[in-house]
Amino acid sequence: MKKFHYLIASIAAVIGMLATTAAFADIKVGVLVPDSGPAGLFGPSSRNAAMLAAKKINADGGINGEQIELIFADAGVAPAEATQAAMRLWKGKGVEAFVGMHNSALREALIGRFNGEVPYVYTAVYEGNSCASGLYITGETPSQQLAPVIPHLMQKKGVSNWYLIGNDYNWPRDTNVLAKEYIAKAGGTIAGEEYVPMSVSEFDSSLQRIKESGADAVLVTLVGGASVGFNVGYAGFGLDQQAIRLGTLIEENTLAGIGAANANGLFSSSGYFAAIETDAAMAFAASYKNAYGADAPALNSLGQSTYEGLLLLAALGNKAGSLDVAAMDAAAEGTQWTTPRGDNTMSGRHVAQNIYLAEGTGGEFGVVATFNNVASSDACNK
């Protein structure tokens, strides 16, 4: 009954927001978030946050005086299918800009099809070095998430021998190239490294290899449901007593799936956690709760990034005076906008940002270290 009441309340909230954001809308914005697949875990909070952002943008005057309407598409399907959905929004439904919170394979496919002709704000954590015309990045890069955090954990927790496990695509692999550099620089070693297909849900053989490797730290770059499955099995192998875990894509919904009993010694590095106690973050959390209720999908870094990305689109469009890519590219450097994380500034079409290290022991994240204004080593020079 509680879930039924939340469903009814959520439908009412979304209908109300749709009325606010779609009425008299002049600009259609495509929002690409995963509703299915391993990353489908992140979809509900991202949709909720996007609706909040649209409501705020319209209340603040829209983009150059024009109201916006959000049109969603599922980014959790295969990249070719998701790309076709985005093209239908652009060419068929008149979408004038996109905000995407999805994986890197889809981002690269979209860059090729958009060809710098439509603005595209990409908000997810990613591997870096993407600098196409019309692309604006808000997500954390591996250099931001790992350069300050790995030596900190090695010193504070006395660990040195790392095992690296991730899904088999470019973000985990590129992340681990840098991770190995940071580990070596801090005097550590690599006990093992492996990549598994996105479809894998059973990790007993991987967990046994980690146990036998003698690793005392594990870097996890698994996504969504895969991360949940791996971390749930972790304690069953006694690994929570052997090695700490560090994830760069473990947010509040993933932690809820892992469960408190399986989160001992689990750390996450991110630009946002719901536990951040700044005025801006607490105001955002309150507005989210007021809109969707206490039982809504948990606030998290990826949902927040979708909110932040839409606000960036508005800031860029207002500064440029239009959604023309050439004008927005010219205006991007130094663009400032306020988000739940604070005041952000674009530099090289990326964002220098605070990075938070949180511990999930007990089933809730608590921030244990903050690294201020960490620049990305992957910012664009043009």
Protein backbone atom coordinates (compact mmCIF):
# COMPACT_ATOMS: atom_id res chain seq x y z
CA MET A 1 0.00 0.00 0.00
CA LYS A 2 2.89 2.35 0.79
CA LYS A 3 4.33 1.79 -2.72
CA PHE A 4 0.88 2.40 -4.23
CA HIS A 5 0.55 5.70 -2.39
CA TYR A 6 4.03 6.74 -3.55
CA LEU A 7 3.13 5.82 -7.14
CA ILE A 8 -0.04 7.94 -7.03
CA ALA A 9 1.84 10.84 -5.42
CA SER A 10 4.63 10.58 -7.99
CA ILE A 11 2.19 10.59 -10.90
CA ALA A 12 0.45 13.65 -9.48
CA ALA A 13 3.77 15.44 -8.96
CA VAL A 14 4.96 14.68 -12.48
CA ILE A 15 1.64 15.73 -14.04
CA GLY A 16 1.86 19.00 -12.15
CA MET A 17 5.41 19.59 -13.28
CA LEU A 18 4.57 18.64 -16.86
CA ALA A 19 1.84 21.23 -16.81
CA THR A 20 4.33 23.78 -15.54
CA THR A 21 7.17 22.88 -17.88
CA ALA A 22 5.23 22.09 -21.04
CA ALA A 23 2.60 24.83 -21.05
CA PHE A 24 3.43 27.41 -23.71
CA ALA A 25 6.82 25.73 -24.21
CA ASP A 26 8.89 27.21 -27.02
CA ILE A 27 12.03 25.03 -26.73
CA LYS A 28 12.03 21.25 -26.70
CA VAL A 29 14.94 19.66 -24.84
CA GLY A 30 15.74 15.97 -25.24
CA VAL A 31 16.73 14.27 -21.99
CA LEU A 32 18.45 10.90 -22.37
CA VAL A 33 18.52 8.80 -19.20
CA PRO A 34 18.56 5.01 -18.70
CA ASP A 35 15.17 3.48 -18.00
CA SER A 36 16.38 -0.06 -18.69
CA GLY A 37 19.52 -2.19 -18.69
CA PRO A 38 22.20 -2.31 -15.98
CA ALA A 39 22.09 1.48 -15.50
CA GLY A 40 18.28 1.55 -15.25
CA LEU A 41 18.81 1.90 -11.51
CA PHE A 42 19.75 5.54 -12.13
CA GLY A 43 16.78 6.45 -14.34
CA PRO A 44 14.01 7.35 -11.86
CA SER A 45 16.05 9.82 -9.82
CA SER A 46 17.47 11.37 -13.01
CA ARG A 47 13.98 11.92 -14.43
CA ASN A 48 12.80 13.42 -11.15
CA ALA A 49 15.76 15.78 -10.98
CA ALA A 50 15.31 16.81 -14.62
CA MET A 51 11.69 17.79 -13.99
CA LEU A 52 12.77 19.90 -11.01
CA ALA A 53 15.38 21.65 -13.16
CA ALA A 54 12.86 22.42 -15.92
CA LYS A 55 10.46 23.87 -13.38
CA LYS A 56 13.21 26.12 -12.01
CA ILE A 57 14.42 27.19 -15.46
CA ASN A 58 10.92 28.15 -16.55
CA ALA A 59 10.21 29.96 -13.29
CA ASP A 60 13.42 31.95 -13.83
CA GLY A 61 12.37 33.04 -17.32
CA GLY A 62 13.40 30.06 -19.44
CA ILE A 63 16.15 30.28 -22.07
CA ASN A 64 16.24 33.73 -23.63
CA GLY A 65 12.66 34.27 -22.50
CA GLU A 66 11.37 31.00 -23.97
CA GLN A 67 9.92 28.22 -21.83
CA ILE A 68 11.30 24.72 -22.16
CA GLU A 69 9.63 21.32 -22.49
CA LEU A 70 11.45 18.09 -21.69
CA ILE A 71 11.09 15.04 -23.94
CA PHE A 72 12.62 11.87 -22.51
CA ALA A 73 14.13 8.85 -24.26
CA ASP A 74 15.55 5.63 -22.83
CA ALA A 75 19.35 5.66 -22.90
CA GLY A 76 19.61 2.21 -21.34
CA VAL A 77 18.99 0.27 -24.54
CA ALA A 78 21.74 -0.62 -27.01
CA PRO A 79 23.66 2.45 -28.28
CA ALA A 80 22.38 2.04 -31.85
CA GLU A 81 18.77 1.95 -30.67
CA ALA A 82 19.22 4.87 -28.27
CA THR A 83 20.92 6.89 -31.01
CA GLN A 84 17.97 6.34 -33.32
CA ALA A 85 15.62 7.47 -30.56
CA ALA A 86 17.64 10.65 -30.12
CA MET A 87 17.64 11.28 -33.86
CA ARG A 88 13.86 10.93 -33.93
CA LEU A 89 13.59 13.54 -31.18
CA TRP A 90 15.90 15.90 -33.06
CA LYS A 91 14.73 15.48 -36.63
CA GLY A 92 11.16 14.34 -35.99
CA LYS A 93 9.99 16.19 -32.90
CA GLY A 94 11.97 19.40 -33.19
CA VAL A 95 14.22 18.99 -30.16
CA GLU A 96 16.75 21.86 -30.11
CA ALA A 97 19.20 20.64 -27.46
CA PHE A 98 20.06 17.49 -25.53
CA VAL A 99 21.09 16.64 -21.98
CA GLY A 100 22.41 13.11 -21.52
CA MET A 101 23.16 11.01 -18.45
CA HIS A 102 24.24 7.68 -19.94
CA ASN A 103 27.26 5.59 -20.84
CA SER A 104 30.23 6.55 -22.97
CA ALA A 105 29.41 4.25 -25.88
CA LEU A 106 26.17 6.15 -26.49
CA ARG A 107 27.92 9.51 -26.05
CA GLU A 108 30.44 8.70 -28.77
CA ALA A 109 27.69 7.47 -31.10
CA LEU A 110 25.70 10.66 -30.56
CA ILE A 111 28.70 12.90 -31.15
CA GLY A 112 29.09 11.31 -34.56
CA ARG A 113 25.44 11.77 -35.47
CA PHE A 114 25.00 15.24 -34.00
CA ASN A 115 28.14 16.43 -35.82
CA GLY A 116 28.31 19.65 -33.81
CA GLU A 117 24.90 20.80 -35.08
CA VAL A 118 22.93 20.61 -31.82
CA PRO A 119 23.98 21.48 -28.23
CA TYR A 120 24.65 18.41 -26.10
CA VAL A 121 25.34 18.56 -22.35
CA TYR A 122 26.81 15.30 -21.04
CA THR A 123 26.51 14.87 -17.27
CA ALA A 124 27.71 11.39 -16.29
CA VAL A 125 31.10 10.44 -14.90
CA TYR A 126 33.27 9.56 -17.87
CA GLU A 127 36.81 8.74 -18.99
CA GLY A 128 37.76 12.20 -20.32
CA ASN A 129 39.21 13.58 -23.56
CA SER A 130 35.93 14.25 -25.38
CA CYS A 131 36.01 17.71 -26.95
CA ALA A 132 33.62 17.74 -29.90
CA SER A 133 31.98 20.99 -30.95
CA GLY A 134 28.70 21.52 -29.13
CA LEU A 135 29.61 19.10 -26.30
CA TYR A 136 29.68 20.42 -22.71
CA ILE A 137 30.76 18.15 -19.84
CA THR A 138 29.72 18.42 -16.18
CA GLY A 139 30.62 14.93 -14.96
CA GLU A 140 33.70 13.91 -13.04
CA THR A 141 36.68 12.45 -14.88
CA PRO A 142 39.00 9.75 -13.48
CA SER A 143 41.74 12.27 -12.76
CA GLN A 144 39.34 14.19 -10.53
CA GLN A 145 37.91 11.16 -8.75
CA LEU A 146 41.15 9.24 -8.22
CA ALA A 147 44.22 11.50 -8.18
CA PRO A 148 43.49 12.89 -4.70
CA VAL A 149 41.59 9.87 -3.34
CA ILE A 150 43.90 6.92 -4.01
CA PRO A 151 46.92 8.28 -2.08
CA HIS A 152 44.59 9.48 0.69
CA LEU A 153 43.12 5.99 1.18
CA MET A 154 46.50 4.31 0.91
CA GLN A 155 47.81 6.51 3.69
CA LYS A 156 44.75 6.51 5.95
CA LYS A 157 43.87 2.82 5.57
CA GLY A 158 47.37 1.42 5.16
CA VAL A 159 46.56 -0.39 1.89
CA SER A 160 48.86 -0.84 -1.08
CA ASN A 161 47.94 -3.90 -3.18
CA TRP A 162 45.02 -3.16 -5.53
CA TYR A 163 42.72 -5.35 -7.59
CA LEU A 164 40.86 -3.58 -10.44
CA ILE A 165 37.50 -4.87 -11.68
CA GLY A 166 35.12 -3.18 -14.11
CA ASN A 167 32.69 -3.67 -16.95
CA ASP A 168 34.25 -4.20 -20.35
CA TYR A 169 34.00 -0.86 -22.15
CA ASN A 170 36.01 2.32 -22.44
CA TRP A 171 35.14 4.11 -19.18
CA PRO A 172 36.41 1.37 -16.81
CA ARG A 173 39.44 0.61 -18.96
CA ASP A 174 40.47 4.25 -19.35
CA THR A 175 39.81 4.89 -15.66
CA ASN A 176 42.16 2.07 -14.71
CA VAL A 177 44.96 3.34 -16.94
CA LEU A 178 45.09 6.42 -14.71
CA ALA A 179 44.39 4.45 -11.52
CA LYS A 180 47.50 2.33 -12.08
CA GLU A 181 49.57 5.49 -12.47
CA TYR A 182 48.25 6.95 -9.19
CA ILE A 183 48.72 3.64 -7.36
CA ALA A 184 52.30 3.29 -8.57
CA LYS A 185 53.09 6.91 -7.73
CA ALA A 186 51.85 6.33 -4.16
CA GLY A 187 54.04 3.23 -3.82
CA GLY A 188 51.36 0.62 -4.44
CA THR A 189 51.11 -2.50 -6.60
CA ILE A 190 48.49 -4.19 -8.79
CA ALA A 191 47.29 -7.59 -7.59
CA GLY A 192 45.03 -8.19 -10.58
CA GLU A 193 42.85 -6.59 -13.23
CA GLU A 194 39.76 -7.87 -15.06
CA TYR A 195 36.79 -6.70 -17.10
CA VAL A 196 33.42 -8.42 -17.40
CA PRO A 197 30.58 -7.99 -19.91
CA MET A 198 27.69 -5.72 -18.96
CA SER A 199 25.40 -8.77 -18.91
CA VAL A 200 27.30 -10.59 -16.14
CA SER A 201 25.39 -10.85 -12.86
CA GLU A 202 27.28 -13.64 -11.05
CA PHE A 203 30.72 -12.84 -9.67
CA ASP A 204 31.82 -15.90 -7.66
CA SER A 205 34.83 -16.63 -9.86
CA SER A 206 35.95 -12.99 -9.78
CA LEU A 207 35.53 -12.80 -6.02
CA GLN A 208 37.55 -15.99 -5.58
CA ARG A 209 40.36 -14.53 -7.73
CA ILE A 210 40.38 -11.39 -5.60
CA LYS A 211 40.53 -13.45 -2.44
CA GLU A 212 43.45 -15.50 -3.73
CA SER A 213 45.31 -12.43 -5.05
CA GLY A 214 46.04 -11.08 -1.58
CA ALA A 215 44.69 -7.65 -2.52
CA ASP A 216 43.97 -5.28 0.34
CA ALA A 217 42.08 -2.75 -1.82
CA VAL A 218 39.68 -3.14 -4.75
CA LEU A 219 38.79 -0.44 -7.28
CA VAL A 220 35.27 -1.09 -8.62
CA THR A 221 34.19 0.35 -11.98
CA LEU A 222 31.13 -1.85 -12.44
CA VAL A 223 27.84 -0.20 -13.41
CA GLY A 224 24.43 -0.31 -11.75
CA GLY A 225 23.10 -3.83 -11.28
CA ALA A 226 26.54 -5.35 -11.89
CA SER A 227 27.97 -3.27 -9.07
CA VAL A 228 25.14 -4.35 -6.77
CA GLY A 229 25.68 -8.03 -7.56
CA PHE A 230 29.43 -7.85 -7.07
CA ASN A 231 29.24 -5.98 -3.78
CA VAL A 232 26.48 -8.15 -2.34
CA GLY A 233 28.68 -11.21 -2.91
CA TYR A 234 31.77 -9.50 -1.53
CA ALA A 235 31.06 -10.08 2.16
CA GLY A 236 30.02 -13.67 1.51
CA PHE A 237 33.59 -14.41 0.45
CA GLY A 238 34.94 -12.72 3.58
CA LEU A 239 36.51 -10.02 1.44
CA ASP A 240 35.16 -7.18 3.57
CA GLN A 241 37.66 -8.35 6.18
CA GLN A 242 40.50 -8.53 3.64
CA ALA A 243 40.21 -5.49 1.39
CA ILE A 244 38.57 -2.08 1.31
CA ARG A 245 36.55 -1.14 -1.78
CA LEU A 246 36.58 2.13 -3.70
CA GLY A 247 33.92 2.80 -6.31
CA THR A 248 33.66 5.74 -8.69
CA LEU A 249 30.06 4.98 -9.69
CA ILE A 250 28.53 3.80 -6.43
CA GLU A 251 25.82 6.26 -5.47
CA GLU A 252 22.90 6.15 -3.03
CA ASN A 253 20.61 3.88 -5.08
CA THR A 254 23.43 1.42 -5.74
CA LEU A 255 24.30 1.46 -2.02
CA ALA A 256 20.67 0.73 -1.15
CA GLY A 257 20.78 -2.28 -3.46
CA ILE A 258 24.04 -3.47 -1.88
CA GLY A 259 22.55 -3.22 1.60
CA ALA A 260 24.02 -2.23 4.94
CA ALA A 261 25.14 -5.78 5.74
CA ASN A 262 27.36 -5.83 2.65
CA ALA A 263 28.83 -2.31 2.82
CA ASN A 264 31.57 -2.68 5.43
CA GLY A 265 34.71 -0.92 4.20
CA LEU A 266 33.00 0.44 1.08
CA PHE A 267 34.09 3.90 -0.14
CA SER A 268 32.89 6.04 -3.03
CA SER A 269 34.44 9.06 -4.76
CA SER A 270 32.08 11.59 -6.33
CA GLY A 271 31.33 15.25 -6.90
CA TYR A 272 28.04 14.95 -5.02
CA PHE A 273 26.40 12.95 -2.24
CA ALA A 274 23.01 13.57 -0.70
CA ALA A 275 24.84 13.79 2.65
CA ILE A 276 26.68 16.99 1.69
CA GLU A 277 25.74 19.60 4.27
CA THR A 278 25.98 22.85 2.32
CA ASP A 279 23.11 25.30 2.05
CA ALA A 280 22.72 24.65 -1.69
CA ALA A 281 22.75 20.86 -1.29
CA MET A 282 20.29 20.89 1.59
CA ALA A 283 17.92 23.22 -0.29
CA PHE A 284 18.01 20.87 -3.30
CA ALA A 285 17.32 17.85 -1.10
CA ALA A 286 14.38 19.64 0.48
CA SER A 287 12.88 20.61 -2.89
CA TYR A 288 13.29 17.02 -4.14
CA LYS A 289 11.55 15.63 -1.05
CA ASN A 290 8.76 18.20 -1.28
CA ALA A 291 8.15 17.32 -4.93
CA TYR A 292 8.34 13.54 -4.76
CA GLY A 293 7.90 12.51 -1.13
CA ALA A 294 10.04 10.71 1.40
CA ASP A 295 9.80 7.38 -0.47
CA ALA A 296 11.10 8.72 -3.79
CA PRO A 297 14.20 7.16 -5.40
CA ALA A 298 17.19 8.36 -3.39
CA LEU A 299 19.00 11.50 -4.40
CA ASN A 300 22.41 10.71 -5.83
CA SER A 301 25.25 12.09 -7.94
CA LEU A 302 23.82 10.97 -11.28
CA GLY A 303 20.36 12.35 -10.63
CA GLN A 304 21.88 15.59 -9.44
CA SER A 305 24.05 15.70 -12.55
CA THR A 306 20.95 15.69 -14.76
CA TYR A 307 19.57 18.64 -12.81
CA GLU A 308 22.92 20.41 -13.07
CA GLY A 309 23.21 19.71 -16.80
CA LEU A 310 19.87 21.32 -17.59
CA LEU A 311 20.81 24.39 -15.58
CA LEU A 312 24.08 24.57 -17.53
CA LEU A 313 22.18 24.38 -20.82
CA ALA A 314 20.08 27.34 -19.71
CA ALA A 315 23.12 29.31 -18.54
CA LEU A 316 24.97 28.70 -21.81
CA GLY A 317 21.94 29.52 -23.94
CA ASN A 318 21.25 32.72 -22.03
CA LYS A 319 24.88 33.80 -22.19
CA ALA A 320 25.16 33.02 -25.92
CA GLY A 321 21.78 34.58 -26.70
CA SER A 322 20.66 31.46 -28.60
CA LEU A 323 21.08 27.69 -28.83
CA ASP A 324 23.35 28.04 -31.86
CA VAL A 325 26.35 25.76 -31.29
CA ALA A 326 28.95 28.22 -32.57
CA ALA A 327 27.62 30.93 -30.26
CA MET A 328 27.47 28.53 -27.29
CA ASP A 329 30.99 27.23 -27.92
CA ALA A 330 32.24 30.82 -27.95
CA ALA A 331 30.36 31.61 -24.74
CA ALA A 332 31.24 28.43 -22.84
CA GLU A 333 34.58 29.42 -21.31
CA GLY A 334 33.99 31.00 -17.93
CA THR A 335 30.22 30.39 -17.90
CA GLN A 336 29.04 30.31 -14.31
CA TRP A 337 25.93 28.71 -12.89
CA THR A 338 24.68 27.72 -9.44
CA THR A 339 23.96 24.08 -8.66
CA PRO A 340 23.31 21.92 -5.58
CA ARG A 341 27.09 21.49 -5.41
CA GLY A 342 27.63 25.26 -5.29
CA ASP A 343 28.81 27.79 -7.87
CA ASN A 344 30.31 26.10 -10.95
CA THR A 345 32.50 27.54 -13.70
CA MET A 346 33.16 26.01 -17.12
CA SER A 347 36.83 25.67 -18.01
CA GLY A 348 37.78 23.88 -21.20
CA ARG A 349 34.14 22.76 -21.46
CA HIS A 350 34.63 20.74 -18.25
CA VAL A 351 34.13 21.71 -14.60
CA ALA A 352 36.66 22.09 -11.81
CA GLN A 353 34.78 20.74 -8.82
CA ASN A 354 34.93 19.57 -5.24
CA ILE A 355 35.43 15.83 -4.89
CA TYR A 356 34.01 14.04 -1.88
CA LEU A 357 35.12 10.71 -0.45
CA ALA A 358 32.29 8.98 1.38
CA GLU A 359 32.12 5.76 3.39
CA GLY A 360 29.05 3.53 3.08
CA THR A 361 29.56 1.35 6.16
CA GLY A 362 26.18 1.01 7.84
CA GLY A 363 24.26 1.48 4.58
CA GLU A 364 24.36 5.29 4.36
CA PHE A 365 27.07 7.46 2.91
CA GLY A 366 28.96 9.78 5.21
CA VAL A 367 31.55 12.17 3.79
CA VAL A 368 34.97 11.48 5.30
CA ALA A 369 37.17 13.75 3.15
CA THR A 370 36.72 16.71 0.80
CA PHE A 371 39.16 17.75 -1.93
CA ASN A 372 38.41 21.29 -3.06
CA ASN A 373 38.23 22.63 -6.62
CA VAL A 374 39.86 19.65 -8.32
CA ALA A 375 40.54 20.44 -11.98
CA SER A 376 40.17 17.85 -14.73
CA SER A 377 43.31 16.83 -16.58
CA ASP A 378 41.05 16.16 -19.56
CA ALA A 379 39.65 19.65 -20.16
CA CYS A 380 39.47 20.85 -23.76
CA ASN A 381 41.94 23.44 -25.04
CA LYS A 382 39.66 24.91 -27.65
